[in-house]
Amino acid sequence: MPGDERRISANVVLRAEGLSKQFGPVTVLSDVTLDIVAGEIHAIIGENGAGKSTLMRLLAGYADPTAGDLFLDGAPVRFANPHQAQDAGIVLVHQEILLADGLTVAENLFLGRELTRNGIVDDRTMKRIAAAKLAELGCRISPNALVRDIALADRQLVQIARALLDARRLVIFDEPTAVLTDEEVHRLLDIILLLKEQGIAVLYISHRLEEVQRLADKVTVLRDGRMVGTYPGQTLSQMEMAHLMVGRELAALYPPKKAVPSGEPILAVRNATVAGFAEDVSFSVRRGEILGFAGMIGAGRTELFEGLIGLRHAVGEVELNGKPIAIRSQQQAIAAGIGYLTEDRKGKGLLLQERLAPNLTLSALRTFHPGLYLRSRREAAALDEAVSSYDIRLKSLKVRAGQLSGGNQQKLLLAKVLLTDPSVVIIDEPTRGIDIANKAQIYAFIQDLVAEGRACIVISSEMQELIGICDRIIVMRRGRVSGEVSGDEMTENNIAFLATSDAAAEPAAWQPERSLQGGR
């Protein structure tokens, strides 16, 4: 098609023209056209379900468009599979973790493209290259470690390192920072900027609009599977991006804070230790209070709370409503009135292949399955109420949990935990991989649950999120509490210092800065 070649600019690596995708009668992407330019970072933003990941899969050979065309260097192209796209220099870094759990980190990096020497797999060279590539990303894990034994954030870094091993002309990042700490995010963004300097085209999907604002030369907005438009990246504020994504004005992202609650703690923890992860941690939380836990990956926050609810072995003293309590299993925690939302909703929180009703009622089975028979009408009524109360958006009540968007999965998980009527709710990474509109809803739900007299503990890697919703923030470093901030001392600088500095252990060496805005 010489005419097509002539009208496509020479520096356009890949052009998508009129791309559409249908699954049966459902159209998930409609008439999308964009040019991806060498040496340019092009962000794609939109709410969950807007069609972003579908578009990425079409560009990288994981799916065929129902209509529309692709042009590589101006020439028509059709990728039969991802391997053909990779051979053309197009690499997709998936949002989902697609690694082999039983293999080592180095084996995963070179899986299907092993290096050989004299006809024998060259393990030594692969481990050396793997270690160097991981070091570039600030990942300190051993190339010999089994993937099943490393943290979720490290798995994502391994996946990114695997993609960056390929000869490449276009790298597509689909929510690459969702499970990373701020330090790891900054390092990855620096690497993406370096790719741009090397003349590589980058397509970047993220719900973190501050990242988009920092990186993007162009921003394409999708809404309900259609293009809203493409805009110069430096001209859009984050609120303007949010407005384009949702098609309406958003209220403030964080709900107004209530008066700081007083009274006796509902939950008090003293000298809690989870061997190898957390040591001698003490804290308390009151009814009506949102208590945050900040820290870097590896600080021990998640493992601490997994220990407190019986998912790991823990020692220490726990009091609930002033009475000592021993928790050895999650079932005991639920019975005591402690609910827990895991950071890994897909792997540990929901049964993705099951329908919504069993997912919702799993933690409260005795209510819906007290004898030999399931009370299906009661279960159906509970699902109807959850869908309405938590604004879970779906096309049918018969869909499986894995078919929901990330935001709707998180709302289903929140409904599941609150169905047991806990007095203390622990939420680990409440908005990971969730768009801005759903974030605002989750924050409002958290404010509502403490307004009902519950206590809420929020573990988050997003400092601004903790500052925005919490009454106090406890910071952990290397398994220990390094400090606490509240009120106008809740600033990113204070939290970052406590999370990273040895001097944080010496109170006399540090004076917290105070927010000029009174600590929002």
Protein backbone atom coordinates (compact mmCIF):
# COMPACT_ATOMS: atom_id res chain seq x y z
CA MET A 1 0.00 0.00 0.00
CA PRO A 2 2.33 2.76 -1.17
CA GLY A 3 -0.26 5.43 -0.48
CA ASP A 4 -0.35 4.46 3.20
CA GLU A 5 3.45 4.47 3.40
CA ARG A 6 3.69 7.98 2.00
CA ARG A 7 1.23 9.61 4.36
CA ILE A 8 2.76 8.19 7.53
CA SER A 9 5.60 10.28 8.96
CA ALA A 10 9.04 8.68 8.79
CA ASN A 11 9.54 8.79 12.57
CA VAL A 12 6.27 6.94 13.29
CA VAL A 13 7.25 3.45 14.43
CA LEU A 14 3.73 2.04 14.64
CA ARG A 15 0.43 3.48 13.48
CA ALA A 16 -2.95 2.17 14.56
CA GLU A 17 -5.76 3.21 12.26
CA GLY A 18 -9.42 2.64 13.09
CA LEU A 19 -8.71 -0.25 15.46
CA SER A 20 -11.82 -1.94 16.85
CA LYS A 21 -12.35 -5.09 18.88
CA GLN A 22 -15.49 -7.04 19.62
CA PHE A 23 -16.05 -10.05 21.85
CA GLY A 24 -19.28 -11.53 20.52
CA PRO A 25 -21.87 -8.76 20.48
CA VAL A 26 -19.87 -6.59 22.91
CA THR A 27 -17.64 -3.86 21.46
CA VAL A 28 -14.74 -3.10 23.82
CA LEU A 29 -12.73 -0.86 21.47
CA SER A 30 -14.03 1.27 18.64
CA ASP A 31 -12.24 3.21 15.88
CA VAL A 32 -9.00 4.09 17.68
CA THR A 33 -6.30 5.85 15.65
CA LEU A 34 -2.91 6.91 16.97
CA ASP A 35 0.70 7.34 15.88
CA ILE A 36 3.50 6.03 18.08
CA VAL A 37 6.68 8.01 17.44
CA ALA A 38 10.32 7.04 17.97
CA GLY A 39 11.88 8.82 20.96
CA GLU A 40 8.51 9.83 22.38
CA ILE A 41 6.56 8.75 25.47
CA HIS A 42 2.89 8.40 24.62
CA ALA A 43 0.53 7.84 27.58
CA ILE A 44 -2.83 6.11 27.31
CA ILE A 45 -5.24 6.93 30.13
CA GLY A 46 -8.84 6.09 30.93
CA GLU A 47 -11.03 4.52 33.57
CA ASN A 48 -11.00 0.78 34.19
CA GLY A 49 -12.84 -0.82 31.28
CA ALA A 50 -12.04 2.05 28.90
CA GLY A 51 -10.21 -0.33 26.52
CA LYS A 52 -6.58 0.49 27.35
CA SER A 53 -5.32 -3.06 27.91
CA THR A 54 -7.28 -4.32 24.91
CA LEU A 55 -5.56 -1.72 22.73
CA MET A 56 -2.14 -2.79 24.06
CA ARG A 57 -2.88 -6.44 23.30
CA LEU A 58 -3.83 -5.58 19.72
CA LEU A 59 -0.62 -3.61 19.21
CA ALA A 60 1.59 -6.37 20.67
CA GLY A 61 0.10 -9.33 18.80
CA TYR A 62 -1.86 -10.90 21.65
CA ALA A 63 -5.18 -10.41 19.88
CA ASP A 64 -6.48 -9.63 16.39
CA PRO A 65 -8.51 -6.49 15.76
CA THR A 66 -12.06 -6.96 14.54
CA ALA A 67 -11.53 -3.97 12.27
CA GLY A 68 -8.76 -1.49 11.50
CA ASP A 69 -5.11 -1.69 10.45
CA LEU A 70 -1.59 -1.52 11.82
CA PHE A 71 1.37 0.00 9.98
CA LEU A 72 5.00 -0.67 10.93
CA ASP A 73 7.35 1.92 9.44
CA GLY A 74 4.52 2.88 7.11
CA ALA A 75 3.96 -0.64 5.77
CA PRO A 76 0.84 -2.70 6.63
CA VAL A 77 1.54 -5.37 9.21
CA ARG A 78 -0.43 -8.07 11.00
CA PHE A 79 1.06 -9.87 13.99
CA ALA A 80 -0.14 -13.46 14.23
CA ASN A 81 1.23 -13.78 17.76
CA PRO A 82 3.35 -11.90 20.33
CA HIS A 83 6.55 -13.55 19.06
CA GLN A 84 6.15 -11.86 15.69
CA ALA A 85 5.65 -8.51 17.42
CA GLN A 86 8.75 -9.09 19.55
CA ASP A 87 10.75 -9.98 16.43
CA ALA A 88 9.67 -6.59 15.07
CA GLY A 89 10.95 -4.91 18.26
CA ILE A 90 7.58 -4.45 20.02
CA VAL A 91 7.54 -5.60 23.65
CA LEU A 92 4.65 -5.51 26.13
CA VAL A 93 5.28 -5.37 29.88
CA HIS A 94 2.07 -6.85 31.24
CA GLN A 95 0.09 -5.56 34.19
CA GLU A 96 -0.43 -9.17 35.30
CA ILE A 97 2.56 -11.13 36.58
CA LEU A 98 3.31 -13.75 33.90
CA LEU A 99 6.26 -15.65 35.34
CA ALA A 100 6.93 -19.33 36.08
CA ASP A 101 6.83 -19.67 39.87
CA GLY A 102 8.94 -22.81 39.96
CA LEU A 103 11.86 -21.37 37.99
CA THR A 104 14.62 -19.05 39.16
CA VAL A 105 14.72 -15.35 38.38
CA ALA A 106 17.46 -15.85 35.75
CA GLU A 107 15.58 -18.77 34.17
CA ASN A 108 12.48 -16.60 33.87
CA LEU A 109 14.39 -13.75 32.25
CA PHE A 110 15.71 -16.07 29.51
CA LEU A 111 12.78 -18.49 29.28
CA GLY A 112 12.38 -19.53 25.65
CA ARG A 113 15.52 -17.69 24.57
CA GLU A 114 18.21 -19.40 26.64
CA LEU A 115 21.85 -18.54 25.89
CA THR A 116 24.04 -21.46 24.89
CA ARG A 117 27.74 -22.10 24.61
CA ASN A 118 29.01 -25.07 22.60
CA GLY A 119 25.48 -26.41 22.54
CA ILE A 120 25.05 -26.24 26.34
CA VAL A 121 22.88 -23.76 28.22
CA ASP A 122 25.17 -21.02 29.53
CA ASP A 123 23.79 -20.54 33.06
CA ARG A 124 26.72 -18.44 34.24
CA THR A 125 26.31 -15.81 31.52
CA MET A 126 22.53 -15.69 31.96
CA LYS A 127 22.89 -15.14 35.71
CA ARG A 128 25.46 -12.40 35.17
CA ILE A 129 23.26 -10.57 32.66
CA ALA A 130 20.19 -11.06 34.85
CA ALA A 131 21.99 -9.59 37.88
CA ALA A 132 23.13 -6.55 35.88
CA LYS A 133 19.69 -5.90 34.39
CA LEU A 134 17.99 -6.21 37.79
CA ALA A 135 20.57 -3.87 39.32
CA GLU A 136 19.62 -1.23 36.75
CA LEU A 137 16.08 -1.41 38.15
CA GLY A 138 17.29 -1.22 41.74
CA CYS A 139 16.23 -4.81 42.39
CA ARG A 140 18.61 -6.58 44.78
CA ILE A 141 17.23 -10.12 44.60
CA SER A 142 19.47 -13.00 43.59
CA PRO A 143 19.20 -14.40 40.04
CA ASN A 144 19.15 -17.81 41.77
CA ALA A 145 15.99 -17.06 43.80
CA LEU A 146 12.82 -18.94 42.90
CA VAL A 147 10.08 -16.59 41.71
CA ARG A 148 7.61 -18.17 44.13
CA ASP A 149 9.79 -17.01 47.04
CA ILE A 150 10.11 -13.31 46.11
CA ALA A 151 7.79 -10.40 46.86
CA LEU A 152 5.12 -9.21 44.44
CA ALA A 153 7.00 -5.97 43.72
CA ASP A 154 10.18 -7.90 42.90
CA ARG A 155 8.22 -10.14 40.52
CA GLN A 156 7.08 -7.05 38.63
CA LEU A 157 10.68 -5.83 38.38
CA VAL A 158 11.73 -9.25 37.05
CA GLN A 159 8.99 -9.00 34.44
CA ILE A 160 10.17 -5.53 33.42
CA ALA A 161 13.79 -6.71 33.26
CA ARG A 162 12.73 -9.60 31.01
CA ALA A 163 11.05 -7.21 28.58
CA LEU A 164 14.03 -4.87 28.51
CA LEU A 165 16.37 -7.70 27.49
CA ASP A 166 14.82 -7.76 24.01
CA ALA A 167 16.06 -5.76 21.07
CA ARG A 168 13.30 -3.17 20.97
CA ARG A 169 11.83 -0.26 19.07
CA LEU A 170 8.61 0.10 21.04
CA VAL A 171 8.13 -0.81 24.72
CA ILE A 172 4.57 -0.87 26.02
CA PHE A 173 4.15 -0.53 29.79
CA ASP A 174 0.75 -1.54 31.21
CA GLU A 175 0.50 -0.25 34.81
CA PRO A 176 4.16 -1.05 35.54
CA THR A 177 4.33 0.78 38.88
CA ALA A 178 1.17 -0.56 40.53
CA VAL A 179 3.08 -2.75 43.00
CA LEU A 180 6.26 -0.65 43.36
CA THR A 181 7.35 1.71 46.13
CA ASP A 182 8.08 5.36 45.46
CA GLU A 183 11.83 4.72 45.28
CA GLU A 184 11.37 1.89 42.77
CA VAL A 185 8.92 4.01 40.78
CA HIS A 186 11.42 6.88 40.47
CA ARG A 187 14.11 4.48 39.28
CA LEU A 188 11.80 2.92 36.68
CA LEU A 189 10.66 6.32 35.40
CA ASP A 190 14.30 7.33 34.99
CA ILE A 191 14.87 4.19 32.92
CA ILE A 192 11.84 5.01 30.76
CA LEU A 193 13.23 8.50 30.15
CA LEU A 194 16.52 6.87 29.17
CA LEU A 195 14.69 4.68 26.64
CA LYS A 196 13.25 7.87 25.16
CA GLU A 197 16.74 9.39 24.88
CA GLN A 198 17.86 6.25 23.03
CA GLY A 199 15.18 6.88 20.38
CA ILE A 200 12.88 4.10 21.56
CA ALA A 201 9.14 4.69 21.44
CA VAL A 202 7.30 4.16 24.74
CA LEU A 203 3.59 3.59 25.21
CA TYR A 204 2.66 4.07 28.86
CA ILE A 205 -0.55 3.14 30.69
CA SER A 206 -0.99 4.27 34.29
CA HIS A 207 -3.72 5.31 36.69
CA ARG A 208 -1.11 7.43 38.48
CA LEU A 209 -1.65 10.73 36.75
CA GLU A 210 1.38 12.33 38.41
CA GLU A 211 3.53 9.80 36.50
CA VAL A 212 1.75 10.62 33.26
CA GLN A 213 2.26 14.32 33.85
CA ARG A 214 5.97 13.80 34.49
CA LEU A 215 6.65 11.50 31.54
CA ALA A 216 4.27 12.00 28.67
CA ASP A 217 4.95 13.91 25.49
CA LYS A 218 1.44 13.02 24.32
CA VAL A 219 -1.63 11.79 26.15
CA THR A 220 -4.42 9.82 24.48
CA VAL A 221 -7.63 9.53 26.49
CA LEU A 222 -10.00 6.58 26.09
CA ARG A 223 -13.53 6.47 27.44
CA ASP A 224 -15.90 3.52 27.04
CA GLY A 225 -13.72 2.04 24.30
CA ARG A 226 -13.56 5.20 22.20
CA MET A 227 -10.96 7.93 21.79
CA VAL A 228 -11.72 11.22 23.47
CA GLY A 229 -8.63 12.73 21.89
CA THR A 230 -4.84 13.07 21.92
CA TYR A 231 -3.29 16.05 23.72
CA PRO A 232 0.21 17.48 24.34
CA GLY A 233 1.31 15.97 27.64
CA GLN A 234 2.68 19.14 29.22
CA THR A 235 -0.53 21.12 28.76
CA LEU A 236 -2.86 18.93 30.86
CA SER A 237 -3.23 19.17 34.63
CA GLN A 238 -4.11 16.04 36.56
CA MET A 239 -7.65 17.28 37.18
CA GLU A 240 -8.08 18.00 33.46
CA MET A 241 -6.93 14.45 32.69
CA ALA A 242 -9.41 13.09 35.23
CA HIS A 243 -12.22 15.15 33.73
CA LEU A 244 -11.44 13.87 30.22
CA MET A 245 -11.35 10.28 31.51
CA VAL A 246 -14.68 10.29 33.33
CA GLY A 247 -16.54 12.86 31.23
CA ARG A 248 -17.66 14.87 34.24
CA GLU A 249 -16.20 17.07 36.94
CA LEU A 250 -14.74 15.16 39.88
CA ALA A 251 -15.17 16.36 43.42
CA ALA A 252 -12.06 16.49 45.59
CA LEU A 253 -10.24 13.17 45.50
CA TYR A 254 -10.03 12.85 49.28
CA PRO A 255 -13.15 13.29 51.45
CA PRO A 256 -13.04 15.89 54.24
CA LYS A 257 -11.48 14.58 57.42
CA LYS A 258 -13.52 14.40 60.61
CA ALA A 259 -12.38 15.46 64.05
CA VAL A 260 -9.61 13.24 65.41
CA PRO A 261 -11.35 10.63 67.59
CA SER A 262 -10.59 10.27 71.29
CA GLY A 263 -11.30 7.52 73.76
CA GLU A 264 -9.86 4.13 74.47
CA PRO A 265 -8.28 2.09 71.66
CA ILE A 266 -10.43 -0.59 70.08
CA LEU A 267 -7.29 -2.48 69.03
CA ALA A 268 -3.97 -2.37 70.88
CA VAL A 269 -0.86 -4.29 69.81
CA ARG A 270 2.27 -4.56 71.96
CA ASN A 271 5.67 -5.96 70.99
CA ALA A 272 4.39 -7.87 67.97
CA THR A 273 7.05 -9.89 66.16
CA VAL A 274 6.82 -11.90 62.94
CA ALA A 275 10.15 -13.68 62.64
CA GLY A 276 12.22 -12.41 59.72
CA PHE A 277 9.81 -9.59 58.87
CA ALA A 278 8.71 -7.45 61.82
CA GLU A 279 10.09 -7.00 65.34
CA ASP A 280 8.76 -5.42 68.52
CA VAL A 281 5.97 -3.40 66.87
CA SER A 282 3.45 -1.61 69.11
CA PHE A 283 0.51 0.57 68.11
CA SER A 284 -3.16 1.23 68.81
CA VAL A 285 -6.18 2.49 66.89
CA ARG A 286 -9.50 3.97 68.06
CA ARG A 287 -13.03 3.73 66.75
CA GLY A 288 -13.59 6.31 64.02
CA GLU A 289 -9.88 6.56 63.28
CA ILE A 290 -7.96 5.85 60.06
CA LEU A 291 -4.43 4.77 60.92
CA GLY A 292 -1.88 4.54 58.10
CA PHE A 293 1.19 2.35 57.77
CA ALA A 294 3.94 3.60 55.44
CA GLY A 295 7.33 2.19 54.49
CA MET A 296 9.38 0.79 51.67
CA ILE A 297 8.91 -2.66 50.15
CA GLY A 298 10.51 -5.06 52.63
CA ALA A 299 9.68 -2.88 55.66
CA GLY A 300 7.49 -5.71 56.99
CA ARG A 301 4.12 -3.96 56.99
CA THR A 302 2.15 -6.62 55.12
CA GLU A 303 3.82 -9.50 56.95
CA LEU A 304 3.13 -7.82 60.32
CA PHE A 305 -0.60 -7.72 59.68
CA GLU A 306 -0.66 -11.17 58.13
CA GLY A 307 0.79 -12.29 61.45
CA LEU A 308 -1.76 -10.38 63.50
CA ILE A 309 -4.69 -12.03 61.68
CA GLY A 310 -3.23 -15.54 61.79
CA LEU A 311 -1.84 -15.95 58.28
CA ARG A 312 1.72 -16.08 59.70
CA HIS A 313 3.12 -17.07 63.05
CA ALA A 314 3.37 -14.03 65.32
CA VAL A 315 4.14 -13.38 68.97
CA GLY A 316 3.16 -10.40 71.08
CA GLU A 317 0.13 -9.05 72.92
CA VAL A 318 -3.13 -8.09 71.23
CA GLU A 319 -6.12 -6.50 72.95
CA LEU A 320 -9.52 -5.97 71.32
CA ASN A 321 -11.92 -3.72 73.22
CA GLY A 322 -9.58 -3.86 76.22
CA LYS A 323 -9.52 -7.66 76.43
CA PRO A 324 -6.57 -9.89 75.53
CA ILE A 325 -7.13 -12.00 72.43
CA ALA A 326 -5.14 -14.76 70.75
CA ILE A 327 -5.58 -15.15 67.01
CA ARG A 328 -4.16 -18.22 65.29
CA SER A 329 -6.15 -18.21 62.03
CA GLN A 330 -7.97 -15.81 59.77
CA GLN A 331 -11.24 -17.48 60.76
CA GLN A 332 -10.55 -16.53 64.38
CA ALA A 333 -9.78 -12.96 63.28
CA ILE A 334 -13.08 -12.74 61.40
CA ALA A 335 -14.98 -14.17 64.38
CA ALA A 336 -13.31 -11.58 66.64
CA GLY A 337 -14.38 -8.74 64.34
CA ILE A 338 -11.18 -8.05 62.40
CA GLY A 339 -11.49 -7.87 58.61
CA TYR A 340 -8.53 -7.94 56.22
CA LEU A 341 -8.28 -6.89 52.56
CA THR A 342 -5.15 -8.40 51.04
CA GLU A 343 -2.85 -6.40 48.75
CA ASP A 344 -3.10 -9.24 46.19
CA ARG A 345 -6.79 -9.26 45.32
CA LYS A 346 -6.29 -11.48 42.26
CA GLY A 347 -4.02 -14.06 43.88
CA LYS A 348 -5.35 -14.17 47.45
CA GLY A 349 -8.50 -12.08 47.73
CA LEU A 350 -10.89 -13.38 45.08
CA LEU A 351 -11.62 -16.60 43.25
CA LEU A 352 -11.33 -15.19 39.73
CA GLN A 353 -12.95 -18.16 37.99
CA GLU A 354 -15.99 -18.12 40.28
CA ARG A 355 -19.08 -15.97 39.98
CA LEU A 356 -19.66 -12.96 42.16
CA ALA A 357 -22.04 -14.42 44.75
CA PRO A 358 -19.67 -17.15 46.04
CA ASN A 359 -16.84 -14.60 46.17
CA LEU A 360 -18.96 -12.20 48.20
CA THR A 361 -20.21 -14.71 50.77
CA LEU A 362 -17.10 -16.89 51.18
CA SER A 363 -16.05 -15.30 54.48
CA ALA A 364 -19.60 -15.47 55.88
CA LEU A 365 -20.54 -19.00 54.82
CA ARG A 366 -22.27 -19.85 58.09
CA THR A 367 -24.81 -17.12 57.41
CA PHE A 368 -25.61 -18.35 53.92
CA HIS A 369 -24.84 -22.06 54.30
CA PRO A 370 -25.79 -22.95 57.91
CA GLY A 371 -26.78 -26.52 57.13
CA LEU A 372 -26.83 -28.88 54.20
CA TYR A 373 -28.30 -26.39 51.76
CA LEU A 374 -27.19 -23.00 50.50
CA ARG A 375 -29.69 -20.20 51.11
CA SER A 376 -29.46 -19.01 47.52
CA ARG A 377 -32.14 -16.33 47.82
CA ARG A 378 -30.36 -14.75 50.77
CA GLU A 379 -27.07 -14.92 48.87
CA ALA A 380 -28.64 -13.32 45.79
CA ALA A 381 -30.12 -10.54 47.93
CA ALA A 382 -26.73 -9.90 49.53
CA LEU A 383 -25.13 -9.62 46.10
CA ASP A 384 -27.81 -7.19 44.90
CA GLU A 385 -27.21 -5.02 47.95
CA ALA A 386 -23.43 -5.10 47.54
CA VAL A 387 -23.61 -4.17 43.86
CA SER A 388 -25.85 -1.23 44.73
CA SER A 389 -24.07 -0.08 47.90
CA TYR A 390 -20.55 -0.28 46.47
CA ASP A 391 -21.39 0.77 42.91
CA ILE A 392 -19.97 -2.44 41.40
CA ARG A 393 -20.40 -1.93 37.67
CA LEU A 394 -21.07 -5.01 35.56
CA LYS A 395 -23.04 -6.16 32.58
CA SER A 396 -24.51 -9.20 34.31
CA LEU A 397 -24.65 -10.68 37.81
CA LYS A 398 -23.52 -13.95 36.24
CA VAL A 399 -20.04 -12.74 35.25
CA ARG A 400 -17.01 -14.22 36.96
CA ALA A 401 -14.88 -12.14 39.32
CA GLY A 402 -11.95 -12.22 36.90
CA GLN A 403 -14.07 -10.45 34.27
CA LEU A 404 -14.51 -7.35 36.44
CA SER A 405 -12.20 -4.35 36.11
CA GLY A 406 -9.63 -3.80 38.85
CA GLY A 407 -11.70 -1.11 40.56
CA ASN A 408 -14.81 -3.26 40.62
CA GLN A 409 -12.84 -6.26 41.90
CA GLN A 410 -11.58 -4.11 44.77
CA LYS A 411 -15.10 -2.96 45.59
CA LEU A 412 -16.28 -6.59 45.56
CA LEU A 413 -13.43 -7.50 47.93
CA LEU A 414 -14.38 -4.62 50.25
CA ALA A 415 -18.01 -5.75 50.22
CA LYS A 416 -16.88 -9.32 51.00
CA VAL A 417 -14.89 -8.23 54.05
CA LEU A 418 -17.58 -5.88 55.38
CA LEU A 419 -20.25 -8.58 55.02
CA THR A 420 -18.83 -10.10 58.23
CA ASP A 421 -19.46 -6.76 60.04
CA PRO A 422 -15.93 -6.24 61.41
CA SER A 423 -15.18 -3.56 64.00
CA VAL A 424 -11.58 -3.23 62.75
CA VAL A 425 -10.83 -3.21 59.00
CA ILE A 426 -7.26 -3.63 57.71
CA ILE A 427 -6.82 -2.62 54.05
CA ASP A 428 -3.52 -3.36 52.30
CA GLU A 429 -2.93 -1.19 49.18
CA PRO A 430 -6.57 -0.04 48.84
CA THR A 431 -6.25 1.54 45.36
CA ARG A 432 -3.49 -0.42 43.62
CA GLY A 433 -4.18 -0.53 39.86
CA ILE A 434 -7.40 1.49 40.18
CA ASP A 435 -8.42 4.53 38.16
CA ILE A 436 -8.97 7.94 39.71
CA ALA A 437 -12.78 7.80 39.80
CA ASN A 438 -12.76 4.45 41.61
CA LYS A 439 -10.03 5.75 43.93
CA ALA A 440 -12.30 8.58 45.02
CA GLN A 441 -15.07 6.05 45.70
CA ILE A 442 -12.80 3.75 47.74
CA TYR A 443 -11.66 6.71 49.85
CA ALA A 444 -15.28 7.69 50.46
CA PHE A 445 -16.14 4.10 51.46
CA ILE A 446 -13.25 4.10 53.95
CA GLN A 447 -14.47 7.38 55.44
CA ASP A 448 -18.00 5.93 55.66
CA LEU A 449 -16.90 2.81 57.51
CA VAL A 450 -15.09 4.78 60.22
CA ALA A 451 -18.08 7.13 60.45
CA GLU A 452 -20.08 4.01 61.39
CA GLY A 453 -17.82 3.54 64.42
CA ARG A 454 -15.29 1.10 63.00
CA ALA A 455 -11.53 1.54 63.04
CA CYS A 456 -9.54 1.31 59.81
CA ILE A 457 -5.86 0.55 59.23
CA VAL A 458 -4.54 1.41 55.76
CA ILE A 459 -1.23 0.05 54.44
CA SER A 460 -0.14 1.90 51.32
CA SER A 461 2.94 2.57 49.22
CA GLU A 462 1.44 5.87 48.06
CA MET A 463 2.43 8.56 50.56
CA GLN A 464 -0.04 11.11 49.19
CA GLU A 465 -2.85 8.58 49.64
CA LEU A 466 -1.95 8.07 53.30
CA ILE A 467 -1.65 11.81 53.89
CA GLY A 468 -4.99 12.38 52.17
CA ILE A 469 -7.11 9.95 54.19
CA CYS A 470 -5.35 9.09 57.46
CA ASP A 471 -5.51 10.69 60.90
CA ARG A 472 -2.08 9.32 61.88
CA ILE A 473 0.67 7.52 59.97
CA ILE A 474 3.10 5.00 61.46
CA VAL A 475 6.25 4.50 59.41
CA MET A 476 8.15 1.21 59.37
CA ARG A 477 11.72 0.55 58.32
CA ARG A 478 13.45 -2.83 58.24
CA GLY A 479 10.73 -4.47 60.30
CA ARG A 480 10.56 -1.86 63.05
CA VAL A 481 8.55 1.28 63.71
CA SER A 482 10.80 4.23 62.85
CA GLY A 483 8.36 6.97 63.75
CA GLU A 484 4.84 8.38 63.69
CA VAL A 485 3.42 11.56 62.19
CA SER A 486 0.04 13.24 62.51
CA GLY A 487 -1.66 16.54 61.72
CA ASP A 488 0.52 19.01 59.86
CA GLU A 489 3.58 16.77 60.33
CA MET A 490 2.14 14.37 57.74
CA THR A 491 4.30 15.39 54.78
CA GLU A 492 6.00 13.33 52.11
CA ASN A 493 9.42 14.54 53.28
CA ASN A 494 8.81 13.40 56.85
CA ILE A 495 7.49 10.02 55.79
CA ALA A 496 10.30 9.45 53.30
CA PHE A 497 12.90 10.36 55.93
CA LEU A 498 11.45 7.96 58.48
CA ALA A 499 11.17 5.21 55.86
CA THR A 500 14.74 5.46 54.61
CA SER A 501 17.08 7.08 57.14
CA ASP A 502 19.07 5.44 59.93
CA ALA A 503 18.87 8.73 61.81
CA ALA A 504 15.11 8.21 62.15
CA ALA A 505 15.86 5.82 65.00
CA GLU A 506 17.31 8.72 66.98
CA PRO A 507 14.50 11.22 67.75
CA ALA A 508 16.94 13.93 68.82
CA ALA A 509 18.54 13.85 65.36
CA TRP A 510 15.31 14.67 63.56
CA GLN A 511 12.74 17.43 63.78
CA PRO A 512 9.68 16.93 61.58
CA GLU A 513 8.79 19.59 59.07
CA ARG A 514 5.29 20.99 59.22
CA SER A 515 2.94 21.41 56.31
CA LEU A 516 2.17 24.98 55.36
CA GLN A 517 -1.37 23.83 54.59
CA GLY A 518 -2.07 22.33 57.97
CA GLY A 519 -1.58 18.69 56.92
CA ARG A 520 -4.21 17.53 54.46
